[in-house]
Amino acid sequence: MRSLLIVLMILILLVVLWQIARALLLRAKCLEDEEIYLFIKGRFENNSAVQRRIASHLGTCEKCREQMRMIQFGKELDEHLVEKNEPI
């Protein structure tokens, strides 16, 4: 019984270490602006590996969340701009 408890504790520890390492790796490589833009526009299939990776990264990286806000804000401004050759 004691050895089973030790094995269970080791497995739990390995899972926790895996989650920490995964979070660190996802945080290490920030997203490209194009990835963020496509994510905002919903261009990735629901629950696809790419969408899950981006969502997971955005959940842990303040820098990329801020970049996403900037892209969203810029997109909103861009929709109200008038082309130079268009009549007003």
N, C-alpha and C. Protein backbone atom coordinates (compact mmCIF):
# COMPACT_ATOMS: atom_id res chain seq x y z
N MET A 1 0.82 -1.19 0.00
CA MET A 1 0.00 0.00 0.00
C MET A 1 0.87 1.26 0.00
N ARG A 2 1.94 1.21 0.78
CA ARG A 2 2.83 2.37 0.87
C ARG A 2 3.51 2.65 -0.48
N SER A 3 3.92 1.59 -1.17
CA SER A 3 4.58 1.78 -2.47
C SER A 3 3.60 2.33 -3.50
N LEU A 4 2.35 1.95 -3.42
CA LEU A 4 1.33 2.49 -4.32
C LEU A 4 1.14 3.99 -4.08
N LEU A 5 1.17 4.39 -2.83
CA LEU A 5 1.04 5.80 -2.47
C LEU A 5 2.24 6.59 -3.00
N ILE A 6 3.41 6.03 -2.91
CA ILE A 6 4.62 6.69 -3.41
C ILE A 6 4.54 6.84 -4.93
N VAL A 7 4.11 5.81 -5.62
CA VAL A 7 3.98 5.86 -7.07
C VAL A 7 2.95 6.92 -7.46
N LEU A 8 1.85 6.98 -6.76
CA LEU A 8 0.81 7.97 -7.02
C LEU A 8 1.34 9.39 -6.81
N MET A 9 2.09 9.59 -5.76
CA MET A 9 2.67 10.91 -5.49
C MET A 9 3.67 11.30 -6.58
N ILE A 10 4.45 10.35 -7.04
CA ILE A 10 5.41 10.62 -8.11
C ILE A 10 4.68 10.99 -9.39
N LEU A 11 3.60 10.29 -9.70
CA LEU A 11 2.82 10.61 -10.90
C LEU A 11 2.21 12.00 -10.81
N ILE A 12 1.70 12.35 -9.67
CA ILE A 12 1.13 13.69 -9.47
C ILE A 12 2.22 14.74 -9.64
N LEU A 13 3.37 14.51 -9.07
CA LEU A 13 4.49 15.44 -9.20
C LEU A 13 4.90 15.60 -10.67
N LEU A 14 4.95 14.51 -11.42
CA LEU A 14 5.31 14.58 -12.83
C LEU A 14 4.29 15.38 -13.63
N VAL A 15 3.02 15.21 -13.34
CA VAL A 15 1.97 15.97 -14.03
C VAL A 15 2.12 17.46 -13.74
N VAL A 16 2.36 17.79 -12.48
CA VAL A 16 2.54 19.20 -12.11
C VAL A 16 3.77 19.79 -12.80
N LEU A 17 4.86 19.06 -12.81
CA LEU A 17 6.07 19.53 -13.49
C LEU A 17 5.85 19.71 -14.98
N TRP A 18 5.10 18.78 -15.60
CA TRP A 18 4.78 18.88 -17.02
C TRP A 18 3.97 20.15 -17.30
N GLN A 19 2.98 20.43 -16.47
CA GLN A 19 2.15 21.63 -16.66
C GLN A 19 2.99 22.90 -16.52
N ILE A 20 3.88 22.93 -15.56
CA ILE A 20 4.76 24.10 -15.38
C ILE A 20 5.68 24.27 -16.59
N ALA A 21 6.29 23.19 -17.04
CA ALA A 21 7.20 23.26 -18.20
C ALA A 21 6.44 23.69 -19.44
N ARG A 22 5.25 23.18 -19.63
CA ARG A 22 4.42 23.54 -20.79
C ARG A 22 4.08 25.03 -20.76
N ALA A 23 3.69 25.53 -19.60
CA ALA A 23 3.36 26.95 -19.48
C ALA A 23 4.58 27.82 -19.77
N LEU A 24 5.73 27.41 -19.30
CA LEU A 24 6.95 28.18 -19.56
C LEU A 24 7.32 28.17 -21.04
N LEU A 25 7.16 27.04 -21.69
CA LEU A 25 7.47 26.95 -23.11
C LEU A 25 6.51 27.79 -23.93
N LEU A 26 5.23 27.77 -23.59
CA LEU A 26 4.25 28.57 -24.31
C LEU A 26 4.52 30.05 -24.12
N ARG A 27 4.94 30.42 -22.94
CA ARG A 27 5.22 31.82 -22.65
C ARG A 27 6.49 32.28 -23.35
N ALA A 28 7.43 31.37 -23.54
CA ALA A 28 8.72 31.73 -24.10
C ALA A 28 8.60 32.24 -25.54
N LYS A 29 7.74 31.64 -26.34
CA LYS A 29 7.60 32.05 -27.72
C LYS A 29 6.31 32.83 -27.88
N CYS A 30 6.45 34.13 -27.97
CA CYS A 30 5.26 34.97 -28.13
C CYS A 30 4.67 34.80 -29.52
N LEU A 31 3.41 35.19 -29.64
CA LEU A 31 2.67 35.04 -30.88
C LEU A 31 3.04 36.12 -31.88
N GLU A 32 2.92 35.76 -33.15
CA GLU A 32 3.09 36.74 -34.23
C GLU A 32 1.81 37.56 -34.33
N ASP A 33 1.94 38.79 -34.80
CA ASP A 33 0.77 39.64 -34.97
C ASP A 33 -0.28 38.99 -35.88
N GLU A 34 0.19 38.33 -36.93
CA GLU A 34 -0.73 37.69 -37.86
C GLU A 34 -1.54 36.59 -37.16
N GLU A 35 -0.88 35.81 -36.29
CA GLU A 35 -1.60 34.77 -35.54
C GLU A 35 -2.69 35.40 -34.66
N ILE A 36 -2.34 36.48 -34.00
CA ILE A 36 -3.31 37.15 -33.12
C ILE A 36 -4.46 37.68 -33.96
N TYR A 37 -4.16 38.31 -35.09
CA TYR A 37 -5.20 38.87 -35.95
C TYR A 37 -6.15 37.77 -36.45
N LEU A 38 -5.58 36.67 -36.92
CA LEU A 38 -6.41 35.56 -37.41
C LEU A 38 -7.24 34.96 -36.28
N PHE A 39 -6.69 34.92 -35.08
CA PHE A 39 -7.43 34.42 -33.91
C PHE A 39 -8.62 35.34 -33.62
N ILE A 40 -8.38 36.65 -33.63
CA ILE A 40 -9.45 37.61 -33.38
C ILE A 40 -10.56 37.47 -34.43
N LYS A 41 -10.17 37.29 -35.68
CA LYS A 41 -11.13 37.18 -36.78
C LYS A 41 -11.84 35.82 -36.81
N GLY A 42 -11.40 34.88 -35.96
CA GLY A 42 -12.03 33.56 -35.93
C GLY A 42 -11.70 32.70 -37.14
N ARG A 43 -10.49 32.85 -37.64
CA ARG A 43 -10.10 32.12 -38.86
C ARG A 43 -9.62 30.70 -38.59
N PHE A 44 -9.44 30.34 -37.32
CA PHE A 44 -9.02 28.97 -37.00
C PHE A 44 -10.24 28.14 -36.64
N GLU A 45 -10.21 26.87 -36.99
CA GLU A 45 -11.33 25.98 -36.66
C GLU A 45 -11.50 25.92 -35.16
N ASN A 46 -12.76 25.83 -34.72
CA ASN A 46 -13.04 25.71 -33.29
C ASN A 46 -12.34 24.49 -32.73
N ASN A 47 -11.70 24.68 -31.61
CA ASN A 47 -11.03 23.61 -30.87
C ASN A 47 -9.88 22.96 -31.64
N SER A 48 -9.35 23.66 -32.65
CA SER A 48 -8.19 23.13 -33.37
C SER A 48 -6.96 23.29 -32.48
N ALA A 49 -5.91 22.58 -32.81
CA ALA A 49 -4.68 22.66 -32.02
C ALA A 49 -4.11 24.07 -32.04
N VAL A 50 -4.19 24.74 -33.18
CA VAL A 50 -3.66 26.11 -33.28
C VAL A 50 -4.49 27.05 -32.41
N GLN A 51 -5.80 26.95 -32.49
CA GLN A 51 -6.65 27.82 -31.68
C GLN A 51 -6.42 27.59 -30.19
N ARG A 52 -6.29 26.34 -29.79
CA ARG A 52 -6.04 26.03 -28.37
C ARG A 52 -4.68 26.57 -27.93
N ARG A 53 -3.66 26.45 -28.80
CA ARG A 53 -2.33 26.95 -28.46
C ARG A 53 -2.34 28.46 -28.27
N ILE A 54 -3.00 29.15 -29.18
CA ILE A 54 -3.06 30.61 -29.10
C ILE A 54 -3.84 31.05 -27.87
N ALA A 55 -5.00 30.42 -27.63
CA ALA A 55 -5.81 30.77 -26.46
C ALA A 55 -5.04 30.50 -25.17
N SER A 56 -4.34 29.39 -25.13
CA SER A 56 -3.56 29.05 -23.94
C SER A 56 -2.45 30.08 -23.72
N HIS A 57 -1.78 30.46 -24.80
CA HIS A 57 -0.70 31.44 -24.68
C HIS A 57 -1.25 32.79 -24.22
N LEU A 58 -2.36 33.20 -24.80
CA LEU A 58 -2.96 34.48 -24.41
C LEU A 58 -3.37 34.47 -22.94
N GLY A 59 -3.70 33.28 -22.44
CA GLY A 59 -4.07 33.16 -21.03
C GLY A 59 -2.90 33.34 -20.08
N THR A 60 -1.69 33.20 -20.59
CA THR A 60 -0.52 33.28 -19.71
C THR A 60 0.42 34.44 -20.02
N CYS A 61 0.22 35.12 -21.15
CA CYS A 61 1.19 36.13 -21.58
C CYS A 61 0.54 37.51 -21.66
N GLU A 62 0.89 38.37 -20.73
CA GLU A 62 0.33 39.72 -20.71
C GLU A 62 0.78 40.51 -21.93
N LYS A 63 2.00 40.31 -22.38
CA LYS A 63 2.52 41.02 -23.55
C LYS A 63 1.65 40.74 -24.79
N CYS A 64 1.31 39.48 -25.00
CA CYS A 64 0.49 39.12 -26.17
C CYS A 64 -0.96 39.58 -25.99
N ARG A 65 -1.46 39.57 -24.76
CA ARG A 65 -2.82 40.09 -24.53
C ARG A 65 -2.87 41.58 -24.85
N GLU A 66 -1.82 42.31 -24.47
CA GLU A 66 -1.76 43.73 -24.77
C GLU A 66 -1.66 43.95 -26.29
N GLN A 67 -0.87 43.12 -26.95
CA GLN A 67 -0.76 43.21 -28.40
C GLN A 67 -2.11 42.92 -29.05
N MET A 68 -2.86 41.97 -28.51
CA MET A 68 -4.19 41.66 -29.03
C MET A 68 -5.13 42.86 -28.88
N ARG A 69 -5.06 43.53 -27.73
CA ARG A 69 -5.89 44.73 -27.53
C ARG A 69 -5.52 45.82 -28.53
N MET A 70 -4.23 45.97 -28.80
CA MET A 70 -3.79 46.98 -29.76
C MET A 70 -4.29 46.65 -31.17
N ILE A 71 -4.21 45.38 -31.53
CA ILE A 71 -4.69 44.96 -32.85
C ILE A 71 -6.20 45.16 -32.94
N GLN A 72 -6.93 44.80 -31.90
CA GLN A 72 -8.38 45.00 -31.91
C GLN A 72 -8.72 46.48 -32.01
N PHE A 73 -8.05 47.32 -31.25
CA PHE A 73 -8.31 48.75 -31.26
C PHE A 73 -7.98 49.33 -32.63
N GLY A 74 -6.86 48.94 -33.19
CA GLY A 74 -6.48 49.40 -34.53
C GLY A 74 -7.49 48.96 -35.58
N LYS A 75 -8.00 47.75 -35.45
CA LYS A 75 -9.01 47.23 -36.38
C LYS A 75 -10.25 48.08 -36.31
N GLU A 76 -10.70 48.43 -35.10
CA GLU A 76 -11.89 49.25 -34.94
C GLU A 76 -11.68 50.61 -35.57
N LEU A 77 -10.51 51.21 -35.40
CA LEU A 77 -10.23 52.50 -36.02
C LEU A 77 -10.18 52.39 -37.54
N ASP A 78 -9.56 51.33 -38.03
CA ASP A 78 -9.42 51.11 -39.46
C ASP A 78 -10.77 51.03 -40.16
N GLU A 79 -11.77 50.46 -39.51
CA GLU A 79 -13.09 50.32 -40.12
C GLU A 79 -13.76 51.67 -40.35
N HIS A 80 -13.33 52.72 -39.64
CA HIS A 80 -13.94 54.04 -39.78
C HIS A 80 -13.15 54.97 -40.69
N LEU A 81 -12.02 54.51 -41.21
CA LEU A 81 -11.23 55.35 -42.09
C LEU A 81 -11.83 55.40 -43.48
N VAL A 82 -11.67 56.52 -44.15
CA VAL A 82 -12.16 56.70 -45.51
C VAL A 82 -10.96 56.61 -46.44
N GLU A 83 -11.12 55.88 -47.55
CA GLU A 83 -10.05 55.79 -48.54
C GLU A 83 -9.77 57.17 -49.11
N LYS A 84 -8.55 57.44 -49.47
CA LYS A 84 -8.14 58.76 -49.97
C LYS A 84 -8.91 59.14 -51.25
N ASN A 85 -9.17 58.17 -52.12
CA ASN A 85 -9.83 58.46 -53.39
C ASN A 85 -11.35 58.42 -53.30
N GLU A 86 -11.91 58.03 -52.17
CA GLU A 86 -13.36 57.96 -52.03
C GLU A 86 -13.93 59.34 -51.76
N PRO A 87 -15.08 59.66 -52.37
CA PRO A 87 -15.71 60.94 -52.04
C PRO A 87 -16.28 60.90 -50.63
N ILE A 88 -16.24 62.02 -49.98
CA ILE A 88 -16.75 62.10 -48.60
C ILE A 88 -18.22 62.40 -48.60
